[in-house]
Amino acid sequence: MAMMGQSSCSSMSNHTKERVTMAKVTLENFYSNLIAQHEEREMRQQKLEKVMDQEGLVDEEKCIRRSQHARKETDFLRLKRTRLGLEDFESLKVIGRGAFGEVRLVQKKDTGHVYAMKILRKADMLEKEQVGHIRAERDILVEADSLWVVKMFYSFQDKMNLYLIMEFLPGGDMMTLLMKKDTLTEEATQFYIAETVLAIDSIHQLGFIHRDIKPDNLLLDSRGHVKLSDFGLCTGLKRAHRTEFYKNLNHSLPSDFTFNNMNSKRKAETWKRNRRQLAFSTVGTPDYIAPEVFMQNGYNKLCDWWSLGVIMYEMLIGYPPFCSETPQETYRKVMNWRETLTFPPEVPISEKAKDLILRFCCEEEQRIGATGVEEIKGNAFFEGVDYDHIRERPAAIPIQIKSIDDTSNFDEFPDSDILQPTGTLSLKKKKCILSAPVVSNHSEADLKNKDWVFINYTYKRFEGLTARGTIPSYMKTGKR
């Protein structure tokens, strides 16, 4: 009988095997979601009871609070049964663009709440083998419920795209802030690095390694405080993080000769001029990646602290320590950091700051944070920092926000076709959306079934709503 079962299994067509896999994944997700929803509801009830006990509420007040909570649970259940779609949001403006999609400021039509909508085209996710990365980001944003992490409220999909509905942080990102400033003061650097230490630690406590800490992924809220974003590398590695990726890139000449002969001011100007283009590139920049990540011999959460050291250097000096005109030359510098990590004499910084940078960017075994985050928090550079109340103090650089939809801290972006219907796209793009990463000769109807790689992407958050208000008419008439 066993032999017959094996024979039957091996005789199945690829199409049948794919259908079996799809059914298996669908059932597993259905039942795991049921269990997770029950556990989450129990946890919310326990949290409510704990809060009421801490507040010392009398029985009558507790009954009122429980009734309010029950109504909210009912509303949430109703929300979960509602199918969210692009038609539920009004697109106001493009506020960000990357290699695999873009971010738009949107307003939910029924509530007026404002969000940042991250849009990723399925075709690009499949073609560039990013399915695992976007799945990782979605799952981590569901699990991470922290003041230090950008909050995701909903996620959904249609035939064309994946959508992440995030809280809108009007302060922009650290990359934009650093491009506006030549350098930051040590006081401002202390504030932002201290907050980022707490943000990274909050991820580490959940058992995650971010692996992609860089200024682009440090967002600023309406008060100028830091929040972490972009968790697509929390599992797996992009090809751009592999040593062979850079070895196989063919360039005529290493153009770093001119870069090395620039003074710090010209170096900073050149870096800023090229920085935005690198953010949009599929190659990206290896400037912030720890050398052990490139080595592929295994690494741990300490790689995030290396990245923070590179950011601290950039804040104080005006450009990262290993910046070059080509990614592979930057990679070479990172791998030879003992010789290339130097401080320009014309940009004075304190010994405390220099010491901390060198404690971040050093051998993995000697790196600060190896014994725990308290080792970092206790460093002399952070003297006087009140970690317990740091989010309550004013930010080092105030953020000027005039309204809930203020986008003055974001670059201007032209419109794109990412929300265009399928009919306006090329046949090649259509087929890529429907097909798996492996080339197939199946019919178009059969290829549609392979969309199961994005199954269970939908999510709705129970707690928390973003700012609500009326969007000015000029935003609607000139929306993008």
Foldseek 3Di string as FASTA:
>chain_A
DVVVVVVVVVPDDPLVVLVVVLVVVVVVLVVVVVVVVVVVVVVVVVVLVVVCVVVVDDPVVSVVVVVVVVVLVVVVVVVVPDDDDPVQKDFQAWFAAAQFFTWTWIAGVPFQFIWIKTKGWLLSCQQQVLLQLVVQQLVVLVVQDDPQAWHWFKWDDDLTITITTTHDAQQAWQLLVLLVDQAADLVQLLLQLLLVLVSQVSQVVVVWAQQDDDRNQWTQHQLGGTHGHRRSVRDDDRPLLEPVVLVPDDDDDFPQPVVVPDALSVNLVVCSVCQVVLRRDPNHACLQFALVSHVPPDDDNLRVLLSSLQNSLCNQRRHGQQDGPDRSSSNVCNNVVVPRRDDRPVRDDDPLSVVLSDLSRDPSVSHQQPVHSVSVCPRPSNPPDDSVCSVVDGRPDGHDDDDSPDNPSGDHDDDDCSVPDPVVDDPVSSLSSQAGSDDDPDDSVSSVSVNSSCPPSIDGDSDDTHDRDDDDPVSNVPGD
